[in-house]
Structure formats: structure tokens, C-alpha cells
Amino acid sequence: MNSYIEASNYFEGNNPEQIASEYGTPLYVYNERILRDRMHSVSQVITKYPYTANYSVKANTNIHILKIALEEGLNCDAMSTGELQMLFKAGFPKERIFFVPNNVSTEELVFALKHGVMTSLDSLAQLELFGQCCCDLELAPEKRTCAVRINPGIGAGHNEKVVTGGKKTKFGIAEEDIPQIFEIAEKYKLTIAGINQHIGSGFMDPQPYLDAVTNILRIALQFKNLKFIDFGGGYGIPYHKLDDEKPFPMDDFKKRLEPILDDFVAKYGSAPLFKSEPGRFCVAESSVILGRVHATKQNNGHLFAGTDVGMNVLVRPSMYDSWHDVEVIRDGKVVPRNELVEQNLVGNICESGDILAKSRPLPKMERGDLACILDAGAYGWSMCSTYNSRPRPAEILITEKGKVKTIRRRETVEDLMRLF
């Protein structure tokens, strides 16, 4: 593929140079059409049985993104009380929120209990603490309802740092400890309404996920009267679009998932609510970053193009060695990929690891060009920092009608000073 942003009409007829000039760089640019399409797709993963897709908001907590998720009928997962409050502000009722924290304080559990949010406990210690909180609050038995996170013993993901299932990860309760779940539940008169799991993030082969679903459904047979079973998320997206990488095989995945559910329902005697919790799949492809090339240089035979997109703006390449396709825009138009030169696309942070694309064949960049970094909507702005005292970037949304609007203003140095 020569250009994804041209093939997808990403800017909906808007000139990216004009956008960059008006809103400044670095800049997160979202496409509402793509965002809604991906959210609708995950809402249809299971159609035969009761099902909800819970958007995993840690991927992107922008209030405007959350409101679109609400409009698309998604529920949401939250990992902190901060994310809970973001969801309340976006308009989500407590019934559409699932709190799935790990290693949280008494205060955070009490916050969730007082707001009536269903909470999953990640360890026996946290389940015990939850029970103590219920007693301290003198909650009636019908309000002492929770879920537990099971470690499926299976993990998958694009990097070992995002694998969340398996014997080496910190997440979930091991299967051999399930009898203790029941003991703690009896001690504090808790009702275990659901179980959940998560194997990792960014996998393109659905088989490990299907294996994990089969496994947790086997485990679910040990629990009576479950209201829901959450399989987790992690569906990947094609980060190598310019090399024609194929997308996650969603249709094939759905076909292979259904008979697994059929078998469980027959054994369990009823169908509880099934859940998934996609994050990356919902939002990653809906955003690009526009960054300005401010300098080019050659060091010992290596070409460098220096931009204002540092690891403070997009940390994934530095943190996970993640690949993001890059397109070069000059005078508002995509530079054809006919002649490619190996270059290093770097940021403006004082770290040797501040590299967006290492030894990457790209159209030779010039000062003033725009580097358009694809698939930045997940774990992009949500993982931004103010390292080197650089304010965080603005976010804009191109609506389905092609209008451009600000959905987060650019941070200022004055903002950085507010807490002193």
C-alpha cells in the first residue's frame, strides 16, 4: 500500500498541512467514522447469546471518545477511581461500568462500593479486603456482590510487557486457589456474580484467545449461578498497514467462538451474560499523530529526521519497541513511496531511546515536512508525559461530516506550574 491515509480518506477532505498550521504540532488527529466502525464491530462479536462489549478505557480516556462509546452502545471497564470518574462525567451509569483494578487501596474499593459499581478482585488478598470494606460499610447482603479475576494460565500479546495471563504475570487468581475464593465469600457473605480474565494485548492470531475462553468456561463450571463471564480483550490491529498486513480475522474468530459457547451453555444449563473488553481494537486505528520535522542530519553515515513527536508524546516505540507506520506529508500531500531512503525518525527528548522509527525506509524527509504516525489512538495520549517539561499535545476530531473540532486543548507551561 502506498498510502493508508489516502486509501482510507483519513482526513475526510481536509488538508493536513492546514490542520497542522491551525492547531499546531505535535497533534493527535482522530477520525470519527473509523472510531465508530471499530466500536460497532466489537459490539457484534457474540449475537446468539446475551453479550456486551466493555471498552477498556485505559486505551484512551478522552471524554469525547467515551461519549462516542456510550452512543455506540458499549459498556466500559475502568482500572482506577480516576477512570471511574471520567466515565461518570461522560454520562455512563454505574450499571454499564465494570471496575477491574489490581492492588488498590481501601479507599478505592470503598469509592466503588459507595457508587454501586461492580468490582472484580484480582487476588485473594483484595477479595479479603473487599469483604472487610463491606463489613465496615455495614452493607446489606444483596449489595455484597463482586467478581473475581482468574489467571487463565495462558498469555498472548505483541510484547512480553503486555502479556497479562500465564504463570509469570501479576494478574488474577490461580485456579488452584479457587476453593479459597469460596471460603472468603462465605466468611463475608459475598456473592460472586462473575468471573473475568485477560490474556494480553495486540495478538493477531485468535487461537490463544479461543483456548483461554475454553479454559475459563471449564473453570466457570465450578461457580454456581454466575451472572456474567468476561473473556477479556486484546484483539490486535495491523500496525504494518503499508506492508499490507491483514487485519485481525474477526469474522473467522466469531465463527470459531460460537461452538465453544454452545458447548458451555449446554453443560451449565443456561447462558450468563458474556463480555469482552477490547481497548486497542476500538481506538488504535482512529488516530494519527502529526509531527513537524524541524531538523535533518547525518551522523556517521546514519540519517536522522528530528521531529517534535518525542517519547513524551508517543512512548510505545521506546517502551515496547512498537512499530508504527509513518507517512511523510509535504505541502499538504502525501509524498509517494517510490524512492525510499533508510532513516531514523526521532523526537526532541534528551534520551538516546527517543526513537519513533529506527533504520526505516521512508521518503527522504526535509525540514518543514509533516511526519504522520499511524495507529496512535490506543495507549498514545493516555500514556503521554510531561518529561523535559514539555506540555502534552492537543487532540482534535474529524467528524463524520468532515468538520474539525478540538476535543482536548494543548497543555501549556502554565498548566505544568499549577501544582506548585
Protein backbone atom coordinates (compact mmCIF):
# COMPACT_ATOMS: atom_id res chain seq x y z
CA MET A 1 0.00 0.00 0.00
CA ASN A 2 1.43 3.36 -0.97
CA SER A 3 -0.67 5.44 1.43
CA TYR A 4 -3.14 4.40 4.09
CA ILE A 5 -4.30 7.94 4.80
CA GLU A 6 -5.17 8.41 1.13
CA ALA A 7 -6.77 4.97 0.71
CA SER A 8 -8.94 5.49 3.80
CA ASN A 9 -9.66 9.19 3.11
CA TYR A 10 -8.43 9.68 6.64
CA PHE A 11 -8.60 13.48 6.70
CA GLU A 12 -12.09 13.48 5.10
CA GLY A 13 -11.09 16.08 2.52
CA ASN A 14 -9.27 18.35 4.97
CA ASN A 15 -5.72 19.47 4.20
CA PRO A 16 -3.36 18.03 6.86
CA GLU A 17 -0.95 20.94 6.43
CA GLN A 18 -3.72 23.42 7.15
CA ILE A 19 -4.76 21.37 10.18
CA ALA A 20 -1.18 21.33 11.49
CA SER A 21 -0.78 25.06 10.89
CA GLU A 22 -4.03 25.92 12.66
CA TYR A 23 -3.80 23.56 15.63
CA GLY A 24 -0.02 23.20 15.95
CA THR A 25 2.14 20.13 16.32
CA PRO A 26 2.53 17.59 17.74
CA LEU A 27 -1.15 16.86 17.28
CA TYR A 28 -3.40 13.84 17.76
CA VAL A 29 -5.99 13.68 14.96
CA TYR A 30 -8.97 11.34 15.34
CA ASN A 31 -11.38 10.12 12.66
CA GLU A 32 -14.92 9.66 14.00
CA ARG A 33 -16.01 7.41 11.13
CA ILE A 34 -13.23 4.88 11.75
CA LEU A 35 -13.77 5.07 15.51
CA ARG A 36 -17.47 4.27 15.28
CA ASP A 37 -16.85 1.48 12.78
CA ARG A 38 -14.43 -0.34 15.10
CA MET A 39 -16.67 0.11 18.12
CA HIS A 40 -19.66 -1.26 16.23
CA SER A 41 -17.58 -4.25 15.12
CA VAL A 42 -16.73 -5.32 18.69
CA SER A 43 -20.36 -4.91 19.74
CA GLN A 44 -21.26 -7.76 17.35
CA VAL A 45 -18.72 -10.39 18.45
CA ILE A 46 -21.44 -12.55 20.03
CA THR A 47 -25.01 -12.39 18.74
CA LYS A 48 -26.50 -15.75 19.73
CA TYR A 49 -26.28 -15.21 23.48
CA PRO A 50 -26.52 -12.23 25.87
CA TYR A 51 -23.39 -10.17 25.30
CA THR A 52 -21.83 -6.78 25.93
CA ALA A 53 -18.53 -5.33 24.76
CA ASN A 54 -16.83 -3.37 27.52
CA TYR A 55 -14.49 -0.75 26.07
CA SER A 56 -11.26 -0.85 28.09
CA VAL A 57 -10.86 2.85 28.75
CA LYS A 58 -7.19 2.72 29.73
CA ALA A 59 -6.50 2.69 25.98
CA ASN A 60 -7.92 6.20 25.63
CA THR A 61 -9.87 8.14 28.26
CA ASN A 62 -10.72 11.28 26.29
CA ILE A 63 -14.22 12.28 27.40
CA HIS A 64 -15.36 12.79 23.80
CA ILE A 65 -14.18 9.27 22.88
CA LEU A 66 -16.05 7.89 25.88
CA LYS A 67 -19.23 9.67 24.82
CA ILE A 68 -18.98 8.06 21.38
CA ALA A 69 -18.55 4.65 23.05
CA LEU A 70 -21.72 5.38 25.04
CA GLU A 71 -23.59 6.29 21.86
CA GLU A 72 -22.38 3.08 20.18
CA GLY A 73 -23.88 1.01 22.98
CA LEU A 74 -20.64 -0.14 24.59
CA ASN A 75 -20.17 -0.62 28.31
CA CYS A 76 -16.78 0.18 29.84
CA ASP A 77 -14.04 -1.25 32.03
CA ALA A 78 -12.20 1.03 34.43
CA MET A 79 -8.91 0.33 36.20
CA SER A 80 -8.84 3.22 38.68
CA THR A 81 -11.15 5.60 40.50
CA GLY A 82 -9.89 8.30 38.15
CA GLU A 83 -11.20 6.31 35.19
CA LEU A 84 -14.47 5.74 37.06
CA GLN A 85 -14.89 9.48 37.44
CA MET A 86 -14.09 10.01 33.75
CA LEU A 87 -16.88 7.59 32.88
CA PHE A 88 -19.34 9.27 35.21
CA LYS A 89 -18.50 12.62 33.60
CA ALA A 90 -19.05 11.11 30.13
CA GLY A 91 -22.53 10.01 31.19
CA PHE A 92 -22.09 6.29 31.87
CA PRO A 93 -24.44 4.94 34.54
CA LYS A 94 -22.95 2.66 37.18
CA GLU A 95 -24.70 -0.36 35.63
CA ARG A 96 -22.59 0.00 32.48
CA ILE A 97 -19.23 0.14 34.25
CA PHE A 98 -17.05 -2.76 35.39
CA PHE A 99 -14.24 -1.87 37.82
CA VAL A 100 -11.27 -4.19 37.21
CA PRO A 101 -8.38 -2.85 39.31
CA ASN A 102 -5.38 -4.57 40.81
CA ASN A 103 -3.56 -3.83 44.07
CA VAL A 104 -5.88 -0.98 45.06
CA SER A 105 -6.35 0.71 48.41
CA THR A 106 -9.21 0.50 50.86
CA GLU A 107 -10.26 4.00 49.80
CA GLU A 108 -10.60 2.96 46.15
CA LEU A 109 -12.69 -0.10 46.97
CA VAL A 110 -14.92 1.97 49.25
CA PHE A 111 -15.35 4.53 46.45
CA ALA A 112 -16.55 1.81 44.08
CA LEU A 113 -18.85 0.28 46.70
CA LYS A 114 -20.42 3.62 47.58
CA HIS A 115 -21.08 4.30 43.90
CA GLY A 116 -22.55 0.84 43.33
CA VAL A 117 -20.04 -0.19 40.65
CA MET A 118 -19.49 -3.91 40.03
CA THR A 119 -15.91 -4.69 41.05
CA SER A 120 -13.59 -7.54 40.15
CA LEU A 121 -11.00 -8.59 42.71
CA ASP A 122 -7.60 -9.55 41.36
CA SER A 123 -6.25 -11.57 44.29
CA LEU A 124 -7.33 -13.39 47.43
CA ALA A 125 -5.92 -10.51 49.48
CA GLN A 126 -8.01 -7.98 47.57
CA LEU A 127 -11.10 -10.18 47.92
CA GLU A 128 -10.49 -10.30 51.67
CA LEU A 129 -10.10 -6.50 51.76
CA PHE A 130 -13.30 -6.09 49.75
CA GLY A 131 -15.13 -8.23 52.28
CA GLN A 132 -13.77 -6.15 55.16
CA CYS A 133 -14.91 -2.98 53.39
CA CYS A 134 -18.41 -4.42 53.02
CA CYS A 135 -18.50 -5.12 56.75
CA ASP A 136 -17.15 -1.68 57.67
CA LEU A 137 -19.83 -0.06 55.50
CA GLU A 138 -22.44 -2.39 57.02
CA LEU A 139 -23.73 -3.27 53.57
CA ALA A 140 -26.77 -5.47 53.20
CA PRO A 141 -26.09 -8.96 51.76
CA GLU A 142 -27.61 -8.08 48.38
CA LYS A 143 -25.04 -5.29 47.97
CA ARG A 144 -22.06 -7.53 48.72
CA THR A 145 -21.71 -8.62 45.12
CA CYS A 146 -18.45 -8.81 43.19
CA ALA A 147 -16.45 -10.68 40.57
CA VAL A 148 -13.04 -12.33 40.68
CA ARG A 149 -10.31 -12.29 38.09
CA ILE A 150 -8.93 -15.69 37.17
CA ASN A 151 -5.44 -16.15 35.77
CA PRO A 152 -6.12 -18.41 32.77
CA GLY A 153 -2.59 -19.77 32.64
CA ILE A 154 -2.45 -18.66 29.00
CA GLY A 155 -0.95 -15.42 27.70
CA ALA A 156 -0.53 -13.66 24.36
CA GLY A 157 0.41 -10.20 23.11
CA HIS A 158 2.61 -8.13 20.83
CA ASN A 159 5.26 -7.74 23.56
CA GLU A 160 6.01 -9.63 26.78
CA LYS A 161 5.22 -6.45 28.74
CA VAL A 162 1.57 -6.61 27.65
CA VAL A 163 1.02 -10.33 28.29
CA THR A 164 -1.38 -10.45 31.24
CA GLY A 165 -2.11 -14.16 31.55
CA GLY A 166 0.15 -17.05 32.49
CA LYS A 167 2.18 -18.18 35.46
CA LYS A 168 4.69 -15.30 35.34
CA THR A 169 2.23 -12.40 35.40
CA LYS A 170 0.96 -10.48 38.41
CA PHE A 171 -2.70 -10.67 37.38
CA GLY A 172 -5.53 -12.84 38.59
CA ILE A 173 -6.14 -15.73 40.95
CA ALA A 174 -4.70 -19.14 40.10
CA GLU A 175 -7.13 -21.99 39.52
CA GLU A 176 -5.79 -23.97 42.47
CA ASP A 177 -6.81 -21.11 44.77
CA ILE A 178 -10.48 -21.17 43.77
CA PRO A 179 -11.53 -23.07 46.95
CA GLN A 180 -10.20 -20.12 48.96
CA ILE A 181 -12.40 -17.77 46.91
CA PHE A 182 -15.43 -19.66 48.17
CA GLU A 183 -14.12 -19.62 51.76
CA ILE A 184 -13.64 -15.83 51.73
CA ALA A 185 -17.01 -15.33 50.07
CA GLU A 186 -18.69 -17.38 52.79
CA LYS A 187 -16.78 -15.54 55.54
CA TYR A 188 -18.03 -12.12 54.41
CA LYS A 189 -21.34 -13.23 52.88
CA LEU A 190 -20.22 -12.17 49.39
CA THR A 191 -21.95 -13.18 46.17
CA ILE A 192 -19.57 -14.00 43.33
CA ALA A 193 -21.61 -12.72 40.38
CA GLY A 194 -18.98 -13.08 37.69
CA ILE A 195 -15.51 -14.14 36.69
CA ASN A 196 -13.16 -12.43 34.28
CA GLN A 197 -9.78 -12.90 32.65
CA HIS A 198 -7.38 -11.19 30.25
CA ILE A 199 -4.56 -12.90 28.36
CA GLY A 200 -2.80 -9.89 26.84
CA SER A 201 -2.97 -7.22 24.18
CA GLY A 202 -2.31 -6.89 20.49
CA PHE A 203 -2.46 -10.51 19.33
CA MET A 204 -3.38 -11.21 15.70
CA ASP A 205 -3.86 -14.98 15.96
CA PRO A 206 -7.19 -15.69 17.71
CA GLN A 207 -6.25 -19.23 18.77
CA PRO A 208 -4.71 -18.35 22.19
CA TYR A 209 -7.82 -16.30 22.97
CA LEU A 210 -10.12 -19.17 21.97
CA ASP A 211 -8.04 -21.52 24.11
CA ALA A 212 -8.39 -19.13 27.05
CA VAL A 213 -12.16 -18.87 26.51
CA THR A 214 -12.43 -22.66 26.52
CA ASN A 215 -10.37 -22.78 29.69
CA ILE A 216 -12.29 -20.15 31.66
CA LEU A 217 -15.59 -21.74 30.66
CA ARG A 218 -14.29 -25.02 32.07
CA ILE A 219 -13.39 -23.16 35.27
CA ALA A 220 -16.79 -21.44 35.30
CA LEU A 221 -18.46 -24.80 35.85
CA GLN A 222 -17.09 -24.63 39.41
CA PHE A 223 -19.15 -21.47 40.10
CA LYS A 224 -22.91 -21.59 40.62
CA ASN A 225 -25.37 -19.02 39.29
CA LEU A 226 -22.88 -16.78 37.53
CA LYS A 227 -24.46 -13.63 36.13
CA PHE A 228 -21.60 -12.95 33.70
CA ILE A 229 -18.32 -14.26 32.32
CA ASP A 230 -15.82 -11.77 30.91
CA PHE A 231 -13.35 -13.22 28.40
CA GLY A 232 -11.12 -10.14 28.22
CA GLY A 233 -9.98 -8.33 25.11
CA GLY A 234 -6.69 -7.85 23.32
CA TYR A 235 -7.67 -8.20 19.65
CA GLY A 236 -4.83 -6.74 17.62
CA ILE A 237 -4.76 -4.29 14.74
CA PRO A 238 -2.49 -4.29 11.65
CA TYR A 239 0.31 -1.89 12.57
CA HIS A 240 2.16 -2.80 9.34
CA LYS A 241 -0.50 -1.43 7.00
CA LEU A 242 1.97 -0.11 4.45
CA ASP A 243 3.29 -3.67 4.11
CA ASP A 244 -0.29 -4.91 3.54
CA GLU A 245 -0.60 -6.69 6.88
CA LYS A 246 -4.00 -8.32 7.18
CA PRO A 247 -6.40 -7.22 9.95
CA PHE A 248 -7.50 -9.38 12.86
CA PRO A 249 -9.74 -12.12 11.36
CA MET A 250 -12.87 -11.03 13.21
CA ASP A 251 -15.40 -12.98 11.11
CA ASP A 252 -13.43 -16.22 11.37
CA PHE A 253 -12.92 -15.62 15.09
CA LYS A 254 -16.67 -15.22 15.67
CA LYS A 255 -17.43 -18.45 13.80
CA ARG A 256 -14.90 -20.39 15.86
CA LEU A 257 -16.10 -18.87 19.14
CA GLU A 258 -19.78 -19.79 18.83
CA PRO A 259 -19.49 -23.61 19.15
CA ILE A 260 -17.32 -23.14 22.25
CA LEU A 261 -20.13 -21.12 23.81
CA ASP A 262 -22.73 -23.66 22.68
CA ASP A 263 -20.88 -26.45 24.47
CA PHE A 264 -20.64 -24.45 27.70
CA VAL A 265 -24.29 -23.38 27.74
CA ALA A 266 -25.37 -26.99 27.28
CA LYS A 267 -23.25 -28.05 30.28
CA TYR A 268 -24.09 -25.07 32.51
CA GLY A 269 -27.80 -25.21 31.79
CA SER A 270 -28.16 -21.53 31.00
CA ALA A 271 -26.35 -18.69 29.27
CA PRO A 272 -24.97 -15.99 31.56
CA LEU A 273 -24.07 -12.61 30.11
CA PHE A 274 -20.85 -12.95 28.11
CA LYS A 275 -18.48 -9.99 27.99
CA SER A 276 -15.34 -8.93 26.17
CA GLU A 277 -13.15 -5.94 26.98
CA PRO A 278 -11.47 -4.59 23.83
CA GLY A 279 -9.46 -1.39 24.04
CA ARG A 280 -6.84 -1.19 21.31
CA PHE A 281 -9.15 -2.59 18.63
CA CYS A 282 -11.70 0.15 19.33
CA VAL A 283 -9.46 3.19 19.13
CA ALA A 284 -5.95 2.50 17.77
CA GLU A 285 -6.72 2.98 14.08
CA SER A 286 -8.86 6.04 14.72
CA SER A 287 -5.93 8.39 15.37
CA VAL A 288 -2.74 9.59 13.74
CA ILE A 289 -0.14 11.97 15.11
CA LEU A 290 1.04 14.90 13.02
CA GLY A 291 4.56 15.99 13.90
CA ARG A 292 6.76 18.63 12.30
CA VAL A 293 10.24 17.79 11.03
CA HIS A 294 12.46 20.52 12.49
CA ALA A 295 15.91 19.20 11.58
CA THR A 296 17.66 16.59 9.47
CA LYS A 297 21.22 15.43 9.90
CA GLN A 298 23.73 12.73 9.09
CA ASN A 299 25.83 11.14 11.82
CA ASN A 300 28.49 8.64 10.77
CA GLY A 301 26.51 7.57 7.74
CA HIS A 302 23.16 7.43 9.55
CA LEU A 303 20.35 9.76 8.50
CA PHE A 304 18.17 11.34 11.18
CA ALA A 305 14.96 13.30 10.87
CA GLY A 306 14.19 15.18 14.08
CA THR A 307 10.55 15.90 14.91
CA ASP A 308 8.53 17.36 17.76
CA VAL A 309 7.00 13.93 18.44
CA GLY A 310 9.12 12.70 21.31
CA MET A 311 8.66 9.76 23.62
CA ASN A 312 6.66 12.14 25.80
CA VAL A 313 4.03 12.24 23.03
CA LEU A 314 4.15 8.56 21.97
CA VAL A 315 6.05 6.27 24.32
CA ARG A 316 5.14 2.93 22.73
CA PRO A 317 8.15 2.65 20.37
CA SER A 318 10.56 3.36 23.24
CA MET A 319 8.70 1.27 25.83
CA TYR A 320 7.63 -1.75 23.77
CA ASP A 321 9.74 -1.47 20.60
CA SER A 322 6.38 -0.97 18.91
CA TRP A 323 6.10 -0.39 15.18
CA HIS A 324 4.02 2.49 13.86
CA ASP A 325 3.82 3.09 10.13
CA VAL A 326 4.90 6.58 9.10
CA GLU A 327 3.81 8.60 6.10
CA VAL A 328 5.50 11.81 5.00
CA ILE A 329 3.40 14.84 4.09
CA ARG A 330 4.84 17.78 2.16
CA ASP A 331 2.82 20.84 1.19
CA GLY A 332 -0.36 19.09 2.27
CA LYS A 333 0.16 15.99 0.12
CA VAL A 334 1.48 12.52 0.86
CA VAL A 335 4.98 12.00 -0.52
CA PRO A 336 4.90 8.86 -2.73
CA ARG A 337 6.87 5.86 -1.51
CA ASN A 338 8.58 5.39 -4.87
CA GLU A 339 12.07 6.20 -3.63
CA LEU A 340 12.83 5.21 -0.06
CA VAL A 341 15.89 6.05 2.00
CA GLU A 342 16.79 4.41 5.30
CA GLN A 343 16.32 6.98 8.06
CA ASN A 344 15.87 7.28 11.80
CA LEU A 345 12.80 9.23 12.84
CA VAL A 346 13.47 10.69 16.28
CA GLY A 347 11.92 13.10 18.75
CA ASN A 348 13.11 16.08 20.76
CA ILE A 349 13.59 14.45 24.17
CA CYS A 350 17.02 14.19 25.79
CA GLU A 351 17.17 10.40 25.67
CA SER A 352 19.00 8.12 23.23
CA GLY A 353 15.93 5.90 23.23
CA ASP A 354 13.73 8.69 21.88
CA ILE A 355 13.23 6.92 18.56
CA LEU A 356 9.94 6.61 16.69
CA ALA A 357 11.22 4.59 13.74
CA LYS A 358 14.70 3.08 13.61
CA SER A 359 16.50 2.47 10.32
CA ARG A 360 13.18 2.77 8.49
CA PRO A 361 12.93 3.03 4.67
CA LEU A 362 10.97 6.27 4.17
CA PRO A 363 10.72 9.04 1.60
CA LYS A 364 13.67 11.30 2.38
CA MET A 365 12.42 13.89 4.82
CA GLU A 366 13.12 17.60 4.75
CA ARG A 367 12.79 20.37 7.29
CA GLY A 368 9.16 21.52 7.34
CA ASP A 369 7.67 18.16 6.35
CA LEU A 370 4.98 16.53 8.44
CA ALA A 371 5.56 13.05 9.82
CA CYS A 372 2.18 11.32 10.02
CA ILE A 373 2.39 8.49 12.55
CA LEU A 374 -0.40 5.96 12.10
CA ASP A 375 -2.47 3.92 14.56
CA ALA A 376 -1.81 6.14 17.57
CA GLY A 377 -5.27 6.12 19.15
CA ALA A 378 -4.59 3.42 21.75
CA TYR A 379 -2.06 3.92 24.53
CA GLY A 380 -0.96 7.13 22.83
CA TRP A 381 -2.23 10.23 24.59
CA SER A 382 -3.24 8.14 27.62
CA MET A 383 0.45 7.34 28.17
CA CYS A 384 1.75 10.84 27.39
CA SER A 385 4.03 12.53 29.90
CA THR A 386 5.43 15.98 30.56
CA TYR A 387 9.03 14.74 30.53
CA ASN A 388 11.54 17.52 29.81
CA SER A 389 8.73 19.86 30.96
CA ARG A 390 7.09 19.65 27.56
CA PRO A 391 3.31 20.25 27.66
CA ARG A 392 1.12 17.47 26.35
CA PRO A 393 -0.36 17.80 22.84
CA ALA A 394 -3.83 18.77 21.71
CA GLU A 395 -6.36 16.30 20.32
CA ILE A 396 -8.79 17.06 17.51
CA LEU A 397 -11.62 15.04 15.96
CA ILE A 398 -12.63 14.97 12.31
CA THR A 399 -16.36 14.30 12.44
CA GLU A 400 -18.30 12.06 10.09
CA LYS A 401 -19.33 15.21 8.25
CA GLY A 402 -15.70 16.27 7.81
CA LYS A 403 -15.74 19.05 10.40
CA VAL A 404 -12.73 19.54 12.64
CA LYS A 405 -13.15 20.20 16.35
CA THR A 406 -10.89 20.31 19.37
CA ILE A 407 -11.54 17.54 21.87
CA ARG A 408 -8.63 18.40 24.17
CA ARG A 409 -6.75 21.67 24.18
CA ARG A 410 -2.99 21.81 24.10
CA GLU A 411 -1.41 21.89 27.53
CA THR A 412 0.64 24.97 28.44
CA VAL A 413 3.68 25.61 30.62
CA GLU A 414 1.29 27.42 32.97
CA ASP A 415 -0.61 24.13 33.33
CA LEU A 416 2.63 22.47 34.38
CA MET A 417 3.11 25.09 37.11
CA ARG A 418 -0.35 24.72 38.66
CA LEU A 419 0.61 22.24 41.37
CA PHE A 420 3.49 24.27 42.81
